Amino acid sequence: MSHLTRSPGAVNTTFEPPAPARWAEALSKNESLDSLTSCLRPVANFVTKNDQVRTALRSRLLGHALHPLLTDLPIGFWTSALTLDVLSPHRGESASQCLTGLGILAAVPTAATGIAEWSDTEKEDARIGAVHALSNSAALTAFTASYFARRSGHVGWGRALGFLGGAAMAVGGYLGGHLAISRKVGSHLPIAD
């Protein structure tokens, strides 16, 4: 919560970060998350062991990380599916299923670029990144289950699993934004003057 305190003759500003930012920063200090980061390191090392693959996943050709750009795809597909589930639950069933499936497909390269970015993080950023990855993995799992539930005719279950995936996606998205914007994590090339 931000508030302004005034004293005679001077203006002082005091800023307290909002609760989600305080939570994300608390994650960065939580040493118990180091066991999670230790489990993810071998995956990151495997994905990035080839220099050409690592360079492609980090996309130095763009001048900045590819991962934030790719996140728009699964987020967009899944959000669209959830929107149809709310606004047009019966007429939009087929489109929701298709959008859910497209989000699953888009999540694969998105995750690969994310793990390539995460491979260079340390301590505090690595802890937040690990929870970001865990949240997004939970979203992918829920949306995959949603897709198969929908395909087998269990549309209600599919919708419920989609909303569960949407909640996990929101947590993962927030933490990704916190890493990229607040903590300035991400590969980039210096901009020439």
Protein backbone atom coordinates (compact mmCIF):
# COMPACT_ATOMS: atom_id res chain seq x y z
CA MET A 1 0.00 0.00 0.00
CA SER A 2 1.37 3.39 -0.96
CA HIS A 3 0.82 6.38 1.24
CA LEU A 4 2.20 9.87 1.54
CA THR A 5 3.28 11.29 4.87
CA ARG A 6 3.71 15.02 5.31
CA SER A 7 5.63 16.96 7.87
CA PRO A 8 5.94 20.74 8.11
CA GLY A 9 8.16 22.08 5.33
CA ALA A 10 8.94 18.67 3.73
CA VAL A 11 7.25 15.92 1.80
CA ASN A 12 8.25 12.34 2.54
CA THR A 13 7.01 9.42 0.52
CA THR A 14 6.83 5.97 1.95
CA PHE A 15 6.01 3.06 -0.30
CA GLU A 16 4.98 -0.37 0.86
CA PRO A 17 4.82 -2.89 -2.00
CA PRO A 18 1.44 -4.55 -2.58
CA ALA A 19 0.79 -7.96 -1.01
CA PRO A 20 1.56 -10.01 -4.15
CA ALA A 21 4.97 -8.34 -4.52
CA ARG A 22 5.72 -8.95 -0.82
CA TRP A 23 4.75 -12.60 -1.29
CA ALA A 24 7.04 -12.94 -4.33
CA GLU A 25 9.91 -11.37 -2.43
CA ALA A 26 9.24 -13.71 0.51
CA LEU A 27 9.63 -16.61 -1.92
CA SER A 28 13.02 -15.24 -2.90
CA LYS A 29 14.18 -15.48 0.71
CA ASN A 30 12.72 -18.95 1.35
CA GLU A 31 15.74 -21.26 1.49
CA SER A 32 13.51 -24.35 1.60
CA LEU A 33 12.88 -23.70 -2.12
CA ASP A 34 16.54 -24.53 -2.81
CA SER A 35 15.61 -28.22 -2.92
CA LEU A 36 13.16 -27.42 -5.75
CA THR A 37 15.80 -25.44 -7.63
CA SER A 38 18.22 -28.36 -7.18
CA CYS A 39 15.67 -30.66 -8.83
CA LEU A 40 15.24 -28.28 -11.77
CA ARG A 41 18.99 -27.71 -12.40
CA PRO A 42 19.56 -31.07 -14.19
CA VAL A 43 16.59 -30.35 -16.48
CA ALA A 44 17.94 -26.88 -17.28
CA ASN A 45 21.43 -28.27 -17.85
CA PHE A 46 20.07 -30.93 -20.22
CA VAL A 47 17.99 -28.43 -22.21
CA THR A 48 20.85 -25.92 -22.51
CA LYS A 49 23.88 -28.24 -22.84
CA ASN A 50 24.19 -27.60 -26.59
CA ASP A 51 25.36 -24.02 -27.23
CA GLN A 52 23.38 -23.68 -30.46
CA VAL A 53 20.17 -24.87 -28.82
CA ARG A 54 20.81 -22.59 -25.85
CA THR A 55 21.35 -19.60 -28.17
CA ALA A 56 18.18 -20.40 -30.12
CA LEU A 57 16.10 -20.77 -26.96
CA ARG A 58 17.40 -17.50 -25.56
CA SER A 59 16.95 -15.86 -29.00
CA ARG A 60 19.74 -13.35 -28.99
CA LEU A 61 18.57 -12.45 -32.51
CA LEU A 62 15.68 -10.49 -30.97
CA GLY A 63 17.92 -8.53 -28.62
CA HIS A 64 16.03 -9.85 -25.60
CA ALA A 65 14.60 -13.07 -24.25
CA LEU A 66 12.15 -15.01 -26.43
CA HIS A 67 10.29 -16.45 -23.43
CA PRO A 68 8.09 -13.40 -22.60
CA LEU A 69 6.95 -13.20 -26.23
CA LEU A 70 5.98 -16.88 -26.33
CA THR A 71 4.03 -16.73 -23.06
CA ASP A 72 1.34 -14.73 -24.87
CA LEU A 73 0.39 -17.83 -26.88
CA PRO A 74 -0.67 -20.30 -24.15
CA ILE A 75 -2.04 -17.48 -22.00
CA GLY A 76 -4.07 -16.17 -24.95
CA PHE A 77 -5.38 -19.57 -26.04
CA TRP A 78 -6.31 -20.65 -22.52
CA THR A 79 -7.85 -17.31 -21.57
CA SER A 80 -9.94 -17.41 -24.76
CA ALA A 81 -11.10 -20.94 -23.93
CA LEU A 82 -12.10 -19.87 -20.41
CA THR A 83 -13.89 -16.81 -21.80
CA LEU A 84 -15.94 -19.01 -24.13
CA ASP A 85 -16.71 -21.34 -21.22
CA VAL A 86 -18.23 -18.40 -19.37
CA LEU A 87 -19.90 -16.48 -22.20
CA SER A 88 -20.96 -19.29 -24.53
CA PRO A 89 -20.75 -22.57 -22.64
CA HIS A 90 -22.78 -24.64 -25.11
CA ARG A 91 -22.12 -23.08 -28.51
CA GLY A 92 -18.43 -22.58 -27.67
CA GLU A 93 -17.66 -26.16 -26.55
CA SER A 94 -15.80 -27.15 -29.71
CA ALA A 95 -13.84 -23.91 -29.89
CA SER A 96 -12.93 -24.12 -26.17
CA GLN A 97 -11.58 -27.62 -26.67
CA CYS A 98 -9.56 -26.52 -29.70
CA LEU A 99 -8.17 -23.45 -27.91
CA THR A 100 -7.23 -25.55 -24.89
CA GLY A 101 -5.33 -27.95 -27.15
CA LEU A 102 -3.55 -25.11 -28.94
CA GLY A 103 -2.51 -23.69 -25.56
CA ILE A 104 -1.02 -27.06 -24.60
CA LEU A 105 0.99 -27.18 -27.83
CA ALA A 106 2.18 -23.58 -27.37
CA ALA A 107 3.23 -24.28 -23.78
CA VAL A 108 5.98 -26.69 -24.87
CA PRO A 109 8.30 -24.17 -26.62
CA THR A 110 7.33 -21.58 -24.03
CA ALA A 111 8.54 -23.86 -21.24
CA ALA A 112 11.75 -24.67 -23.15
CA THR A 113 12.62 -20.99 -23.54
CA GLY A 114 11.71 -20.39 -19.89
CA ILE A 115 14.03 -23.10 -18.61
CA ALA A 116 16.81 -21.68 -20.81
CA GLU A 117 16.30 -18.26 -19.19
CA TRP A 118 16.09 -19.77 -15.71
CA SER A 119 19.35 -21.71 -16.20
CA ASP A 120 21.36 -18.52 -15.56
CA THR A 121 19.51 -17.44 -12.42
CA GLU A 122 20.90 -17.84 -8.95
CA LYS A 123 19.60 -17.94 -5.37
CA GLU A 124 16.70 -15.49 -4.99
CA ASP A 125 15.74 -15.26 -8.65
CA ALA A 126 16.08 -19.03 -9.03
CA ARG A 127 13.68 -19.60 -6.13
CA ILE A 128 11.00 -17.34 -7.61
CA GLY A 129 11.62 -18.88 -11.03
CA ALA A 130 11.19 -22.39 -9.64
CA VAL A 131 7.78 -21.51 -8.18
CA HIS A 132 6.91 -19.79 -11.48
CA ALA A 133 7.79 -23.03 -13.31
CA LEU A 134 5.87 -25.14 -10.80
CA SER A 135 2.76 -22.95 -11.16
CA ASN A 136 2.94 -23.09 -14.93
CA SER A 137 3.46 -26.86 -14.83
CA ALA A 138 0.33 -27.13 -12.68
CA ALA A 139 -1.54 -25.00 -15.25
CA LEU A 140 -0.31 -27.19 -18.11
CA THR A 141 -1.33 -30.34 -16.23
CA ALA A 142 -4.81 -28.96 -15.46
CA PHE A 143 -5.39 -27.75 -19.03
CA THR A 144 -4.18 -31.08 -20.43
CA ALA A 145 -6.61 -32.91 -18.15
CA SER A 146 -9.29 -30.41 -19.21
CA TYR A 147 -8.61 -31.14 -22.89
CA PHE A 148 -8.94 -34.90 -22.45
CA ALA A 149 -12.03 -34.53 -20.25
CA ARG A 150 -13.66 -32.41 -22.95
CA ARG A 151 -12.71 -34.90 -25.68
CA SER A 152 -14.26 -37.77 -23.73
CA GLY A 153 -17.54 -35.88 -23.32
CA HIS A 154 -17.03 -34.73 -19.72
CA VAL A 155 -17.39 -31.06 -20.58
CA GLY A 156 -18.29 -29.97 -17.05
CA TRP A 157 -15.15 -31.55 -15.68
CA GLY A 158 -13.23 -30.01 -18.55
CA ARG A 159 -14.45 -26.56 -17.63
CA ALA A 160 -13.70 -27.06 -13.93
CA LEU A 161 -10.17 -28.26 -14.71
CA GLY A 162 -9.76 -25.31 -17.08
CA PHE A 163 -10.65 -22.85 -14.32
CA LEU A 164 -8.20 -24.60 -12.00
CA GLY A 165 -5.57 -24.26 -14.73
CA GLY A 166 -6.47 -20.61 -15.13
CA ALA A 167 -5.82 -19.97 -11.43
CA ALA A 168 -2.41 -21.67 -11.63
CA MET A 169 -1.67 -19.74 -14.83
CA ALA A 170 -2.44 -16.45 -13.06
CA VAL A 171 0.01 -17.25 -10.25
CA GLY A 172 2.70 -18.32 -12.72
CA GLY A 173 2.10 -15.27 -14.88
CA TYR A 174 2.37 -12.93 -11.93
CA LEU A 175 5.67 -14.46 -10.84
CA GLY A 176 6.99 -14.32 -14.40
CA GLY A 177 6.12 -10.64 -14.59
CA HIS A 178 7.73 -10.05 -11.21
CA LEU A 179 10.94 -11.69 -12.42
CA ALA A 180 11.03 -9.86 -15.74
CA ILE A 181 9.88 -6.42 -14.63
CA SER A 182 10.63 -5.99 -10.93
CA ARG A 183 13.78 -8.10 -10.76
CA LYS A 184 14.98 -7.48 -14.37
CA VAL A 185 15.65 -11.18 -15.06
CA GLY A 186 16.03 -12.16 -18.70
CA SER A 187 18.67 -12.34 -21.37
CA HIS A 188 19.22 -9.24 -23.43
CA LEU A 189 21.77 -7.57 -25.64
CA PRO A 190 23.02 -4.07 -24.84
CA ILE A 191 21.40 -1.42 -26.99
CA ALA A 192 23.90 0.64 -28.97
CA ASP A 193 23.86 4.41 -28.42
